[in-house]
Amino acid sequence: MNTSVELPSGKILNITRFIALLPSSDTTNCNYQLILEGYPNPINLESSDAQRLKQILELDEKTTTWDKDKQLQKNQRAIEILEKRIQYFKNIPESESIARQELFENFKQTIDSQRSDGQKLYLES
């Protein structure tokens, strides 16, 4: 999905940090407020901009029902990768499994050695 979009008003937004699109309680100049992660203030949007943004995000009322088959089709590549990883881990050699377990144990000790008492993540106090 292209993350930069141009709205009817001419505003260009990067919507990768989209959080919410809210109807504005103040009806002076805008109808909606766009909230983006990490942005200190909401962005005021006109109704036409908000409708276009809903279409881009597939939030329009016409498409509010979730289609399982469509979602599975969109996620087909991710599903294939996940199936390959599952197969790999089912057939992992015992020696590699032991090495991974030792590495993880070492990781846990390293993390907890850098944390104060009562703040340990892995080791019991």
PDB file of N, CA and C in Angstrom:
ATOM      1  N   MET A   1       0.843  -1.176   0.000  1.00  0.00           N
ATOM      2  CA  MET A   1       0.000   0.000   0.000  1.00  0.00           C
ATOM      3  C   MET A   1       0.883   1.231   0.000  1.00  0.00           C
ATOM      4  N   ASN A   2       0.592   2.182  -0.884  1.00  0.00           N
ATOM      5  CA  ASN A   2       1.307   3.434  -0.919  1.00  0.00           C
ATOM      6  C   ASN A   2       0.921   4.231   0.324  1.00  0.00           C
ATOM      7  N   THR A   3       1.881   4.694   1.075  1.00  0.00           N
ATOM      8  CA  THR A   3       1.578   5.365   2.334  1.00  0.00           C
ATOM      9  C   THR A   3       1.410   6.864   2.189  1.00  0.00           C
ATOM     10  N   SER A   4       1.819   7.440   1.082  1.00  0.00           N
ATOM     11  CA  SER A   4       1.598   8.859   0.837  1.00  0.00           C
ATOM     12  C   SER A   4       0.359   9.007  -0.034  1.00  0.00           C
ATOM     13  N   VAL A   5      -0.586   9.812   0.442  1.00  0.00           N
ATOM     14  CA  VAL A   5      -1.829   9.995  -0.302  1.00  0.00           C
ATOM     15  C   VAL A   5      -2.117  11.481  -0.456  1.00  0.00           C
ATOM     16  N   GLU A   6      -2.702  11.823  -1.587  1.00  0.00           N
ATOM     17  CA  GLU A   6      -3.124  13.198  -1.809  1.00  0.00           C
ATOM     18  C   GLU A   6      -4.638  13.251  -1.660  1.00  0.00           C
ATOM     19  N   LEU A   7      -5.097  14.170  -0.848  1.00  0.00           N
ATOM     20  CA  LEU A   7      -6.522  14.319  -0.576  1.00  0.00           C
ATOM     21  C   LEU A   7      -7.112  15.380  -1.493  1.00  0.00           C
ATOM     22  N   PRO A   8      -8.431  15.405  -1.654  1.00  0.00           N
ATOM     23  CA  PRO A   8      -9.063  16.373  -2.556  1.00  0.00           C
ATOM     24  C   PRO A   8      -8.693  17.831  -2.281  1.00  0.00           C
ATOM     25  N   SER A   9      -8.398  18.174  -1.024  1.00  0.00           N
ATOM     26  CA  SER A   9      -8.036  19.549  -0.693  1.00  0.00           C
ATOM     27  C   SER A   9      -6.613  19.880  -1.105  1.00  0.00           C
ATOM     28  N   GLY A  10      -5.853  18.869  -1.524  1.00  0.00           N
ATOM     29  CA  GLY A  10      -4.468  19.079  -1.906  1.00  0.00           C
ATOM     30  C   GLY A  10      -3.480  18.670  -0.821  1.00  0.00           C
ATOM     31  N   LYS A  11      -3.975  18.332   0.362  1.00  0.00           N
ATOM     32  CA  LYS A  11      -3.093  17.887   1.435  1.00  0.00           C
ATOM     33  C   LYS A  11      -2.492  16.541   1.047  1.00  0.00           C
ATOM     34  N   ILE A  12      -1.209  16.382   1.352  1.00  0.00           N
ATOM     35  CA  ILE A  12      -0.538  15.108   1.120  1.00  0.00           C
ATOM     36  C   ILE A  12      -0.138  14.558   2.475  1.00  0.00           C
ATOM     37  N   LEU A  13      -0.592  13.346   2.758  1.00  0.00           N
ATOM     38  CA  LEU A  13      -0.352  12.730   4.059  1.00  0.00           C
ATOM     39  C   LEU A  13       0.389  11.416   3.906  1.00  0.00           C
ATOM     40  N   ASN A  14       1.238  11.126   4.873  1.00  0.00           N
ATOM     41  CA  ASN A  14       1.842   9.808   5.000  1.00  0.00           C
ATOM     42  C   ASN A  14       1.036   9.107   6.081  1.00  0.00           C
ATOM     43  N   ILE A  15       0.278   8.077   5.706  1.00  0.00           N
ATOM     44  CA  ILE A  15      -0.673   7.469   6.638  1.00  0.00           C
ATOM     45  C   ILE A  15      -0.155   6.201   7.310  1.00  0.00           C
ATOM     46  N   THR A  16       1.154   5.987   7.305  1.00  0.00           N
ATOM     47  CA  THR A  16       1.677   4.790   7.966  1.00  0.00           C
ATOM     48  C   THR A  16       1.461   4.830   9.471  1.00  0.00           C
ATOM     49  N   ARG A  17       1.300   6.004  10.033  1.00  0.00           N
ATOM     50  CA  ARG A  17       1.111   6.144  11.483  1.00  0.00           C
ATOM     51  C   ARG A  17      -0.333   6.503  11.829  1.00  0.00           C
ATOM     52  N   PHE A  18      -1.249   6.094  10.973  1.00  0.00           N
ATOM     53  CA  PHE A  18      -2.667   6.357  11.199  1.00  0.00           C
ATOM     54  C   PHE A  18      -3.131   5.731  12.509  1.00  0.00           C
ATOM     55  N   ILE A  19      -3.824   6.529  13.334  1.00  0.00           N
ATOM     56  CA  ILE A  19      -4.404   6.022  14.569  1.00  0.00           C
ATOM     57  C   ILE A  19      -5.922   6.136  14.525  1.00  0.00           C
ATOM     58  N   ALA A  20      -6.419   7.337  14.229  1.00  0.00           N
ATOM     59  CA  ALA A  20      -7.870   7.512  14.277  1.00  0.00           C
ATOM     60  C   ALA A  20      -8.312   8.657  13.387  1.00  0.00           C
ATOM     61  N   LEU A  21      -9.544   8.550  12.936  1.00  0.00           N
ATOM     62  CA  LEU A  21     -10.224   9.616  12.213  1.00  0.00           C
ATOM     63  C   LEU A  21     -11.494   9.899  12.990  1.00  0.00           C
ATOM     64  N   LEU A  22     -11.545  11.078  13.602  1.00  0.00           N
ATOM     65  CA  LEU A  22     -12.645  11.399  14.512  1.00  0.00           C
ATOM     66  C   LEU A  22     -13.510  12.518  13.966  1.00  0.00           C
ATOM     67  N   PRO A  23     -14.827  12.395  14.127  1.00  0.00           N
ATOM     68  CA  PRO A  23     -15.680  13.536  13.798  1.00  0.00           C
ATOM     69  C   PRO A  23     -15.340  14.681  14.747  1.00  0.00           C
ATOM     70  N   SER A  24     -15.266  15.860  14.214  1.00  0.00           N
ATOM     71  CA  SER A  24     -14.878  17.010  15.029  1.00  0.00           C
ATOM     72  C   SER A  24     -16.059  17.513  15.847  1.00  0.00           C
ATOM     73  N   SER A  25     -15.793  17.856  17.084  1.00  0.00           N
ATOM     74  CA  SER A  25     -16.840  18.451  17.924  1.00  0.00           C
ATOM     75  C   SER A  25     -16.973  19.937  17.614  1.00  0.00           C
ATOM     76  N   ASP A  26     -15.920  20.506  17.038  1.00  0.00           N
ATOM     77  CA  ASP A  26     -15.923  21.916  16.636  1.00  0.00           C
ATOM     78  C   ASP A  26     -16.223  21.976  15.145  1.00  0.00           C
ATOM     79  N   THR A  27     -17.327  22.547  14.777  1.00  0.00           N
ATOM     80  CA  THR A  27     -17.741  22.535  13.368  1.00  0.00           C
ATOM     81  C   THR A  27     -17.394  23.829  12.646  1.00  0.00           C
ATOM     82  N   THR A  28     -16.407  24.579  13.120  1.00  0.00           N
ATOM     83  CA  THR A  28     -16.090  25.850  12.486  1.00  0.00           C
ATOM     84  C   THR A  28     -15.497  25.675  11.096  1.00  0.00           C
ATOM     85  N   ASN A  29     -14.345  25.016  10.984  1.00  0.00           N
ATOM     86  CA  ASN A  29     -13.681  24.902   9.685  1.00  0.00           C
ATOM     87  C   ASN A  29     -13.486  23.482   9.200  1.00  0.00           C
ATOM     88  N   CYS A  30     -13.640  22.521  10.085  1.00  0.00           N
ATOM     89  CA  CYS A  30     -13.370  21.155   9.661  1.00  0.00           C
ATOM     90  C   CYS A  30     -14.451  20.222  10.165  1.00  0.00           C
ATOM     91  N   ASN A  31     -14.546  19.075   9.526  1.00  0.00           N
ATOM     92  CA  ASN A  31     -15.539  18.098   9.930  1.00  0.00           C
ATOM     93  C   ASN A  31     -14.925  16.904  10.634  1.00  0.00           C
ATOM     94  N   TYR A  32     -13.618  16.681  10.412  1.00  0.00           N
ATOM     95  CA  TYR A  32     -12.939  15.527  10.996  1.00  0.00           C
ATOM     96  C   TYR A  32     -11.564  15.923  11.492  1.00  0.00           C
ATOM     97  N   GLN A  33     -11.061  15.113  12.425  1.00  0.00           N
ATOM     98  CA  GLN A  33      -9.695  15.280  12.898  1.00  0.00           C
ATOM     99  C   GLN A  33      -8.962  13.957  12.693  1.00  0.00           C
ATOM    100  N   LEU A  34      -7.798  14.025  12.063  1.00  0.00           N
ATOM    101  CA  LEU A  34      -6.966  12.864  11.814  1.00  0.00           C
ATOM    102  C   LEU A  34      -5.869  12.843  12.868  1.00  0.00           C
ATOM    103  N   ILE A  35      -5.753  11.714  13.568  1.00  0.00           N
ATOM    104  CA  ILE A  35      -4.719  11.574  14.584  1.00  0.00           C
ATOM    105  C   ILE A  35      -3.683  10.591  14.058  1.00  0.00           C
ATOM    106  N   LEU A  36      -2.423  11.045  14.047  1.00  0.00           N
ATOM    107  CA  LEU A  36      -1.311  10.225  13.600  1.00  0.00           C
ATOM    108  C   LEU A  36      -0.368   9.989  14.769  1.00  0.00           C
ATOM    109  N   GLU A  37       0.171   8.782  14.863  1.00  0.00           N
ATOM    110  CA  GLU A  37       1.111   8.430  15.926  1.00  0.00           C
ATOM    111  C   GLU A  37       2.332   9.341  15.859  1.00  0.00           C
ATOM    112  N   GLY A  38       2.717   9.889  17.011  1.00  0.00           N
ATOM    113  CA  GLY A  38       3.896  10.728  17.093  1.00  0.00           C
ATOM    114  C   GLY A  38       3.679  12.162  16.669  1.00  0.00           C
ATOM    115  N   TYR A  39       2.491  12.488  16.192  1.00  0.00           N
ATOM    116  CA  TYR A  39       2.200  13.854  15.773  1.00  0.00           C
ATOM    117  C   TYR A  39       1.524  14.572  16.928  1.00  0.00           C
ATOM    118  N   PRO A  40       2.000  15.743  17.332  1.00  0.00           N
ATOM    119  CA  PRO A  40       1.501  16.375  18.560  1.00  0.00           C
ATOM    120  C   PRO A  40       0.053  16.854  18.503  1.00  0.00           C
ATOM    121  N   ASN A  41      -0.432  17.202  17.325  1.00  0.00           N
ATOM    122  CA  ASN A  41      -1.789  17.748  17.209  1.00  0.00           C
ATOM    123  C   ASN A  41      -2.567  17.014  16.132  1.00  0.00           C
ATOM    124  N   PRO A  42      -3.899  16.954  16.281  1.00  0.00           N
ATOM    125  CA  PRO A  42      -4.711  16.360  15.208  1.00  0.00           C
ATOM    126  C   PRO A  42      -4.650  17.220  13.950  1.00  0.00           C
ATOM    127  N   ILE A  43      -4.832  16.586  12.817  1.00  0.00           N
ATOM    128  CA  ILE A  43      -4.883  17.293  11.541  1.00  0.00           C
ATOM    129  C   ILE A  43      -6.346  17.486  11.182  1.00  0.00           C
ATOM    130  N   ASN A  44      -6.737  18.718  10.932  1.00  0.00           N
ATOM    131  CA  ASN A  44      -8.114  19.017  10.578  1.00  0.00           C
ATOM    132  C   ASN A  44      -8.366  18.657   9.121  1.00  0.00           C
ATOM    133  N   LEU A  45      -9.437  17.910   8.896  1.00  0.00           N
ATOM    134  CA  LEU A  45      -9.782  17.487   7.545  1.00  0.00           C
ATOM    135  C   LEU A  45     -11.201  17.901   7.195  1.00  0.00           C
ATOM    136  N   GLU A  46     -11.370  18.288   5.947  1.00  0.00           N
ATOM    137  CA  GLU A  46     -12.704  18.556   5.435  1.00  0.00           C
ATOM    138  C   GLU A  46     -13.408  17.227   5.203  1.00  0.00           C
ATOM    139  N   SER A  47     -14.697  17.275   5.039  1.00  0.00           N
ATOM    140  CA  SER A  47     -15.482  16.061   4.840  1.00  0.00           C
ATOM    141  C   SER A  47     -15.011  15.284   3.604  1.00  0.00           C
ATOM    142  N   SER A  48     -14.721  15.988   2.518  1.00  0.00           N
ATOM    143  CA  SER A  48     -14.286  15.308   1.294  1.00  0.00           C
ATOM    144  C   SER A  48     -12.951  14.598   1.507  1.00  0.00           C
ATOM    145  N   ASP A  49     -12.045  15.230   2.267  1.00  0.00           N
ATOM    146  CA  ASP A  49     -10.767  14.592   2.579  1.00  0.00           C
ATOM    147  C   ASP A  49     -10.981  13.340   3.423  1.00  0.00           C
ATOM    148  N   ALA A  50     -11.874  13.441   4.407  1.00  0.00           N
ATOM    149  CA  ALA A  50     -12.143  12.303   5.286  1.00  0.00           C
ATOM    150  C   ALA A  50     -12.752  11.147   4.500  1.00  0.00           C
ATOM    151  N   GLN A  51     -13.662  11.424   3.592  1.00  0.00           N
ATOM    152  CA  GLN A  51     -14.283  10.371   2.791  1.00  0.00           C
ATOM    153  C   GLN A  51     -13.241   9.688   1.914  1.00  0.00           C
ATOM    154  N   ARG A  52     -12.342  10.473   1.327  1.00  0.00           N
ATOM    155  CA  ARG A  52     -11.275   9.894   0.486  1.00  0.00           C
ATOM    156  C   ARG A  52     -10.347   9.037   1.340  1.00  0.00           C
ATOM    157  N   LEU A  53     -10.011   9.507   2.529  1.00  0.00           N
ATOM    158  CA  LEU A  53      -9.149   8.747   3.426  1.00  0.00           C
ATOM    159  C   LEU A  53      -9.812   7.438   3.843  1.00  0.00           C
ATOM    160  N   LYS A  54     -11.112   7.475   4.081  1.00  0.00           N
ATOM    161  CA  LYS A  54     -11.847   6.244   4.414  1.00  0.00           C
ATOM    162  C   LYS A  54     -11.767   5.246   3.263  1.00  0.00           C
ATOM    163  N   GLN A  55     -11.895   5.734   2.045  1.00  0.00           N
ATOM    164  CA  GLN A  55     -11.788   4.844   0.885  1.00  0.00           C
ATOM    165  C   GLN A  55     -10.400   4.237   0.795  1.00  0.00           C
ATOM    166  N   ILE A  56      -9.380   5.039   1.005  1.00  0.00           N
ATOM    167  CA  ILE A  56      -8.002   4.561   0.925  1.00  0.00           C
ATOM    168  C   ILE A  56      -7.752   3.501   1.992  1.00  0.00           C
ATOM    169  N   LEU A  57      -8.271   3.726   3.185  1.00  0.00           N
ATOM    170  CA  LEU A  57      -8.076   2.792   4.287  1.00  0.00           C
ATOM    171  C   LEU A  57      -9.104   1.667   4.284  1.00  0.00           C
ATOM    172  N   GLU A  58      -9.963   1.663   3.261  1.00  0.00           N
ATOM    173  CA  GLU A  58     -11.029   0.679   3.137  1.00  0.00           C
ATOM    174  C   GLU A  58     -11.942   0.681   4.353  1.00  0.00           C
ATOM    175  N   LEU A  59     -12.280   1.892   4.815  1.00  0.00           N
ATOM    176  CA  LEU A  59     -13.154   2.040   5.968  1.00  0.00           C
ATOM    177  C   LEU A  59     -14.533   2.565   5.574  1.00  0.00           C
ATOM    178  N   ASP A  60     -14.756   2.706   4.303  1.00  0.00           N
ATOM    179  CA  ASP A  60     -16.041   3.208   3.836  1.00  0.00           C
ATOM    180  C   ASP A  60     -17.154   2.273   4.274  1.00  0.00           C
ATOM    181  N   GLU A  61     -18.333   2.815   4.538  1.00  0.00           N
ATOM    182  CA  GLU A  61     -19.452   2.005   5.018  1.00  0.00           C
ATOM    183  C   GLU A  61     -19.771   0.838   4.092  1.00  0.00           C
ATOM    184  N   LYS A  62     -19.487   0.994   2.811  1.00  0.00           N
ATOM    185  CA  LYS A  62     -19.794  -0.063   1.854  1.00  0.00           C
ATOM    186  C   LYS A  62     -18.914  -1.293   2.056  1.00  0.00           C
ATOM    187  N   THR A  63     -17.753  -1.115   2.667  1.00  0.00           N
ATOM    188  CA  THR A  63     -16.820  -2.224   2.812  1.00  0.00           C
ATOM    189  C   THR A  63     -16.560  -2.586   4.274  1.00  0.00           C
ATOM    190  N   THR A  64     -17.515  -2.350   5.148  1.00  0.00           N
ATOM    191  CA  THR A  64     -17.268  -2.602   6.561  1.00  0.00           C
ATOM    192  C   THR A  64     -17.372  -4.079   6.933  1.00  0.00           C
ATOM    193  N   THR A  65     -17.979  -4.899   6.091  1.00  0.00           N
ATOM    194  CA  THR A  65     -18.058  -6.320   6.415  1.00  0.00           C
ATOM    195  C   THR A  65     -16.752  -6.998   6.035  1.00  0.00           C
ATOM    196  N   TRP A  66     -16.279  -7.855   6.911  1.00  0.00           N
ATOM    197  CA  TRP A  66     -15.014  -8.541   6.701  1.00  0.00           C
ATOM    198  C   TRP A  66     -15.252  -9.757   5.832  1.00  0.00           C
ATOM    199  N   ASP A  67     -14.450  -9.898   4.807  1.00  0.00           N
ATOM    200  CA  ASP A  67     -14.545 -11.017   3.886  1.00  0.00           C
ATOM    201  C   ASP A  67     -13.347 -11.938   4.118  1.00  0.00           C
ATOM    202  N   LYS A  68     -13.607 -13.084   4.723  1.00  0.00           N
ATOM    203  CA  LYS A  68     -12.535 -14.021   5.076  1.00  0.00           C
ATOM    204  C   LYS A  68     -11.744 -14.451   3.846  1.00  0.00           C
ATOM    205  N   ASP A  69     -12.417 -14.793   2.773  1.00  0.00           N
ATOM    206  CA  ASP A  69     -11.734 -15.256   1.559  1.00  0.00           C
ATOM    207  C   ASP A  69     -10.836 -14.167   0.971  1.00  0.00           C
ATOM    208  N   LYS A  70     -11.333 -12.930   0.978  1.00  0.00           N
ATOM    209  CA  LYS A  70     -10.540 -11.815   0.465  1.00  0.00           C
ATOM    210  C   LYS A  70      -9.303 -11.604   1.337  1.00  0.00           C
ATOM    211  N   GLN A  71      -9.476 -11.706   2.643  1.00  0.00           N
ATOM    212  CA  GLN A  71      -8.354 -11.539   3.567  1.00  0.00           C
ATOM    213  C   GLN A  71      -7.318 -12.643   3.373  1.00  0.00           C
ATOM    214  N   LEU A  72      -7.778 -13.877   3.212  1.00  0.00           N
ATOM    215  CA  LEU A  72      -6.856 -14.985   2.975  1.00  0.00           C
ATOM    216  C   LEU A  72      -6.089 -14.804   1.665  1.00  0.00           C
ATOM    217  N   GLN A  73      -6.766 -14.293   0.667  1.00  0.00           N
ATOM    218  CA  GLN A  73      -6.120 -14.054  -0.621  1.00  0.00           C
ATOM    219  C   GLN A  73      -5.039 -12.979  -0.475  1.00  0.00           C
ATOM    220  N   LYS A  74      -5.330 -11.926   0.283  1.00  0.00           N
ATOM    221  CA  LYS A  74      -4.350 -10.868   0.517  1.00  0.00           C
ATOM    222  C   LYS A  74      -3.130 -11.399   1.261  1.00  0.00           C
ATOM    223  N   ASN A  75      -3.354 -12.335   2.169  1.00  0.00           N
ATOM    224  CA  ASN A  75      -2.288 -12.839   3.038  1.00  0.00           C
ATOM    225  C   ASN A  75      -1.616 -14.103   2.509  1.00  0.00           C
ATOM    226  N   GLN A  76      -1.858 -14.454   1.265  1.00  0.00           N
ATOM    227  CA  GLN A  76      -1.360 -15.713   0.717  1.00  0.00           C
ATOM    228  C   GLN A  76       0.159 -15.842   0.813  1.00  0.00           C
ATOM    229  N   ARG A  77       0.889 -14.799   0.472  1.00  0.00           N
ATOM    230  CA  ARG A  77       2.354 -14.854   0.522  1.00  0.00           C
ATOM    231  C   ARG A  77       2.827 -15.043   1.960  1.00  0.00           C
ATOM    232  N   ALA A  78       2.248 -14.328   2.903  1.00  0.00           N
ATOM    233  CA  ALA A  78       2.630 -14.462   4.312  1.00  0.00           C
ATOM    234  C   ALA A  78       2.312 -15.866   4.825  1.00  0.00           C
ATOM    235  N   ILE A  79       1.207 -16.425   4.395  1.00  0.00           N
ATOM    236  CA  ILE A  79       0.821 -17.777   4.808  1.00  0.00           C
ATOM    237  C   ILE A  79       1.840 -18.798   4.291  1.00  0.00           C
ATOM    238  N   GLU A  80       2.279 -18.641   3.048  1.00  0.00           N
ATOM    239  CA  GLU A  80       3.282 -19.548   2.481  1.00  0.00           C
ATOM    240  C   GLU A  80       4.584 -19.487   3.269  1.00  0.00           C
ATOM    241  N   ILE A  81       5.025 -18.284   3.585  1.00  0.00           N
ATOM    242  CA  ILE A  81       6.264 -18.118   4.359  1.00  0.00           C
ATOM    243  C   ILE A  81       6.117 -18.751   5.734  1.00  0.00           C
ATOM    244  N   LEU A  82       4.981 -18.535   6.368  1.00  0.00           N
ATOM    245  CA  LEU A  82       4.735 -19.096   7.693  1.00  0.00           C
ATOM    246  C   LEU A  82       4.717 -20.626   7.643  1.00  0.00           C
ATOM    247  N   GLU A  83       4.086 -21.200   6.633  1.00  0.00           N
ATOM    248  CA  GLU A  83       4.061 -22.659   6.487  1.00  0.00           C
ATOM    249  C   GLU A  83       5.471 -23.221   6.335  1.00  0.00           C
ATOM    250  N   LYS A  84       6.325 -22.539   5.564  1.00  0.00           N
ATOM    251  CA  LYS A  84       7.707 -22.986   5.397  1.00  0.00           C
ATOM    252  C   LYS A  84       8.462 -22.934   6.720  1.00  0.00           C
ATOM    253  N   ARG A  85       8.245 -21.873   7.490  1.00  0.00           N
ATOM    254  CA  ARG A  85       8.924 -21.750   8.785  1.00  0.00           C
ATOM    255  C   ARG A  85       8.451 -22.829   9.753  1.00  0.00           C
ATOM    256  N   ILE A  86       7.161 -23.107   9.748  1.00  0.00           N
ATOM    257  CA  ILE A  86       6.624 -24.159  10.625  1.00  0.00           C
ATOM    258  C   ILE A  86       7.242 -25.498  10.259  1.00  0.00           C
ATOM    259  N   GLN A  87       7.298 -25.802   8.966  1.00  0.00           N
ATOM    260  CA  GLN A  87       7.910 -27.063   8.510  1.00  0.00           C
ATOM    261  C   GLN A  87       9.369 -27.138   8.929  1.00  0.00           C
ATOM    262  N   TYR A  88      10.092 -26.021   8.782  1.00  0.00           N
ATOM    263  CA  TYR A  88      11.506 -25.999   9.153  1.00  0.00           C
ATOM    264  C   TYR A  88      11.668 -26.298  10.642  1.00  0.00           C
ATOM    265  N   PHE A  89      10.863 -25.656  11.479  1.00  0.00           N
ATOM    266  CA  PHE A  89      11.003 -25.834  12.917  1.00  0.00           C
ATOM    267  C   PHE A  89      10.501 -27.198  13.390  1.00  0.00           C
ATOM    268  N   LYS A  90       9.614 -27.818  12.641  1.00  0.00           N
ATOM    269  CA  LYS A  90       9.194 -29.180  12.985  1.00  0.00           C
ATOM    270  C   LYS A  90      10.328 -30.170  12.744  1.00  0.00           C
ATOM    271  N   ASN A  91      11.167 -29.868  11.758  1.00  0.00           N
ATOM    272  CA  ASN A  91      12.235 -30.786  11.368  1.00  0.00           C
ATOM    273  C   ASN A  91      13.620 -30.298  11.787  1.00  0.00           C
ATOM    274  N   ILE A  92      13.684 -29.411  12.758  1.00  0.00           N
ATOM    275  CA  ILE A  92      14.969 -28.861  13.190  1.00  0.00           C
ATOM    276  C   ILE A  92      15.804 -29.963  13.843  1.00  0.00           C
ATOM    277  N   PRO A  93      17.092 -30.043  13.522  1.00  0.00           N
ATOM    278  CA  PRO A  93      17.957 -31.066  14.134  1.00  0.00           C
ATOM    279  C   PRO A  93      18.079 -30.838  15.643  1.00  0.00           C
ATOM    280  N   GLU A  94      18.241 -31.921  16.374  1.00  0.00           N
ATOM    281  CA  GLU A  94      18.345 -31.857  17.834  1.00  0.00           C
ATOM    282  C   GLU A  94      19.513 -30.977  18.266  1.00  0.00           C
ATOM    283  N   SER A  95      20.640 -31.062  17.562  1.00  0.00           N
ATOM    284  CA  SER A  95      21.816 -30.260  17.926  1.00  0.00           C
ATOM    285  C   SER A  95      21.532 -28.763  17.802  1.00  0.00           C
ATOM    286  N   GLU A  96      20.818 -28.385  16.747  1.00  0.00           N
ATOM    287  CA  GLU A  96      20.473 -26.970  16.571  1.00  0.00           C
ATOM    288  C   GLU A  96      19.472 -26.533  17.631  1.00  0.00           C
ATOM    289  N   SER A  97      18.553 -27.392  17.980  1.00  0.00           N
ATOM    290  CA  SER A  97      17.579 -27.079  19.021  1.00  0.00           C
ATOM    291  C   SER A  97      18.264 -26.813  20.357  1.00  0.00           C
ATOM    292  N   ILE A  98      19.238 -27.671  20.694  1.00  0.00           N
ATOM    293  CA  ILE A  98      19.984 -27.501  21.943  1.00  0.00           C
ATOM    294  C   ILE A  98      20.795 -26.205  21.902  1.00  0.00           C
ATOM    295  N   ALA A  99      21.424 -25.928  20.770  1.00  0.00           N
ATOM    296  CA  ALA A  99      22.214 -24.696  20.629  1.00  0.00           C
ATOM    297  C   ALA A  99      21.332 -23.464  20.780  1.00  0.00           C
ATOM    298  N   ARG A 100      20.150 -23.500  20.197  1.00  0.00           N
ATOM    299  CA  ARG A 100      19.215 -22.376  20.321  1.00  0.00           C
ATOM    300  C   ARG A 100      18.763 -22.197  21.762  1.00  0.00           C
ATOM    301  N   GLN A 101      18.510 -23.309  22.453  1.00  0.00           N
ATOM    302  CA  GLN A 101      18.085 -23.236  23.848  1.00  0.00           C
ATOM    303  C   GLN A 101      19.192 -22.625  24.708  1.00  0.00           C
ATOM    304  N   GLU A 102      20.445 -23.041  24.470  1.00  0.00           N
ATOM    305  CA  GLU A 102      21.569 -22.480  25.217  1.00  0.00           C
ATOM    306  C   GLU A 102      21.736 -20.988  24.931  1.00  0.00           C
ATOM    307  N   LEU A 103      21.570 -20.606  23.682  1.00  0.00           N
ATOM    308  CA  LEU A 103      21.654 -19.195  23.301  1.00  0.00           C
ATOM    309  C   LEU A 103      20.576 -18.377  24.014  1.00  0.00           C
ATOM    310  N   PHE A 104      19.368 -18.916  24.073  1.00  0.00           N
ATOM    311  CA  PHE A 104      18.281 -18.204  24.740  1.00  0.00           C
ATOM    312  C   PHE A 104      18.530 -18.097  26.245  1.00  0.00           C
ATOM    313  N   GLU A 105      19.052 -19.158  26.855  1.00  0.00           N
ATOM    314  CA  GLU A 105      19.371 -19.123  28.279  1.00  0.00           C
ATOM    315  C   GLU A 105      20.436 -18.064  28.558  1.00  0.00           C
ATOM    316  N   ASN A 106      21.433 -17.989  27.694  1.00  0.00           N
ATOM    317  CA  ASN A 106      22.477 -16.974  27.818  1.00  0.00           C
ATOM    318  C   ASN A 106      21.885 -15.575  27.667  1.00  0.00           C
ATOM    319  N   PHE A 107      20.989 -15.414  26.720  1.00  0.00           N
ATOM    320  CA  PHE A 107      20.303 -14.141  26.504  1.00  0.00           C
ATOM    321  C   PHE A 107      19.541 -13.720  27.761  1.00  0.00           C
ATOM    322  N   LYS A 108      18.799 -14.655  28.361  1.00  0.00           N
ATOM    323  CA  LYS A 108      18.019 -14.342  29.561  1.00  0.00           C
ATOM    324  C   LYS A 108      18.938 -13.894  30.699  1.00  0.00           C
ATOM    325  N   GLN A 109      20.047 -14.584  30.873  1.00  0.00           N
ATOM    326  CA  GLN A 109      20.985 -14.219  31.946  1.00  0.00           C
ATOM    327  C   GLN A 109      21.591 -12.840  31.693  1.00  0.00           C
ATOM    328  N   THR A 110      21.936 -12.562  30.453  1.00  0.00           N
ATOM    329  CA  THR A 110      22.519 -11.263  30.106  1.00  0.00           C
ATOM    330  C   THR A 110      21.523 -10.136  30.377  1.00  0.00           C
ATOM    331  N   ILE A 111      20.291 -10.318  29.956  1.00  0.00           N
ATOM    332  CA  ILE A 111      19.264  -9.287  30.178  1.00  0.00           C
ATOM    333  C   ILE A 111      19.059  -9.054  31.663  1.00  0.00           C
ATOM    334  N   ASP A 112      18.882 -10.126  32.415  1.00  0.00           N
ATOM    335  CA  ASP A 112      18.596  -9.978  33.841  1.00  0.00           C
ATOM    336  C   ASP A 112      19.797  -9.477  34.631  1.00  0.00           C
ATOM    337  N   SER A 113      21.019  -9.736  34.161  1.00  0.00           N
ATOM    338  CA  SER A 113      22.199  -9.245  34.872  1.00  0.00           C
ATOM    339  C   SER A 113      22.292  -7.721  34.804  1.00  0.00           C
ATOM    340  N   GLN A 114      21.639  -7.122  33.834  1.00  0.00           N
ATOM    341  CA  GLN A 114      21.679  -5.675  33.666  1.00  0.00           C
ATOM    342  C   GLN A 114      20.490  -4.975  34.306  1.00  0.00           C
ATOM    343  N   ARG A 115      19.630  -5.737  34.971  1.00  0.00           N
ATOM    344  CA  ARG A 115      18.447  -5.161  35.620  1.00  0.00           C
ATOM    345  C   ARG A 115      18.587  -5.294  37.130  1.00  0.00           C
ATOM    346  N   SER A 116      18.012  -4.341  37.853  1.00  0.00           N
ATOM    347  CA  SER A 116      18.114  -4.362  39.318  1.00  0.00           C
ATOM    348  C   SER A 116      17.196  -5.437  39.894  1.00  0.00           C
ATOM    349  N   ASP A 117      17.461  -5.791  41.171  1.00  0.00           N
ATOM    350  CA  ASP A 117      16.626  -6.779  41.852  1.00  0.00           C
ATOM    351  C   ASP A 117      15.174  -6.306  41.851  1.00  0.00           C
ATOM    352  N   GLY A 118      14.277  -7.226  41.664  1.00  0.00           N
ATOM    353  CA  GLY A 118      12.855  -6.898  41.594  1.00  0.00           C
ATOM    354  C   GLY A 118      12.402  -6.487  40.207  1.00  0.00           C
ATOM    355  N   GLN A 119      13.346  -6.306  39.303  1.00  0.00           N
ATOM    356  CA  GLN A 119      13.036  -5.894  37.930  1.00  0.00           C
ATOM    357  C   GLN A 119      13.461  -6.945  36.909  1.00  0.00           C
ATOM    358  N   LYS A 120      13.805  -8.130  37.379  1.00  0.00           N
ATOM    359  CA  LYS A 120      14.252  -9.198  36.490  1.00  0.00           C
ATOM    360  C   LYS A 120      13.098  -9.671  35.606  1.00  0.00           C
ATOM    361  N   LEU A 121      13.402  -9.969  34.369  1.00  0.00           N
ATOM    362  CA  LEU A 121      12.373 -10.428  33.433  1.00  0.00           C
ATOM    363  C   LEU A 121      12.266 -11.947  33.397  1.00  0.00           C
ATOM    364  N   TYR A 122      13.396 -12.636  33.540  1.00  0.00           N
ATOM    365  CA  TYR A 122      13.396 -14.073  33.332  1.00  0.00           C
ATOM    366  C   TYR A 122      13.726 -14.866  34.581  1.00  0.00           C
ATOM    367  N   LEU A 123      14.703 -14.421  35.334  1.00  0.00           N
ATOM    368  CA  LEU A 123      15.149 -15.191  36.499  1.00  0.00           C
ATOM    369  C   LEU A 123      14.230 -14.936  37.683  1.00  0.00           C
ATOM    370  N   GLU A 124      14.040 -15.951  38.463  1.00  0.00           N
ATOM    371  CA  GLU A 124      13.205 -15.794  39.649  1.00  0.00           C
ATOM    372  C   GLU A 124      14.043 -15.189  40.749  1.00  0.00           C
ATOM    373  N   SER A 125      13.432 -14.294  41.555  1.00  0.00           N
ATOM    374  CA  SER A 125      14.151 -13.610  42.631  1.00  0.00           C
ATOM    375  C   SER A 125      14.387 -14.525  43.799  1.00  0.00           C
TER     376      SER A 125
END
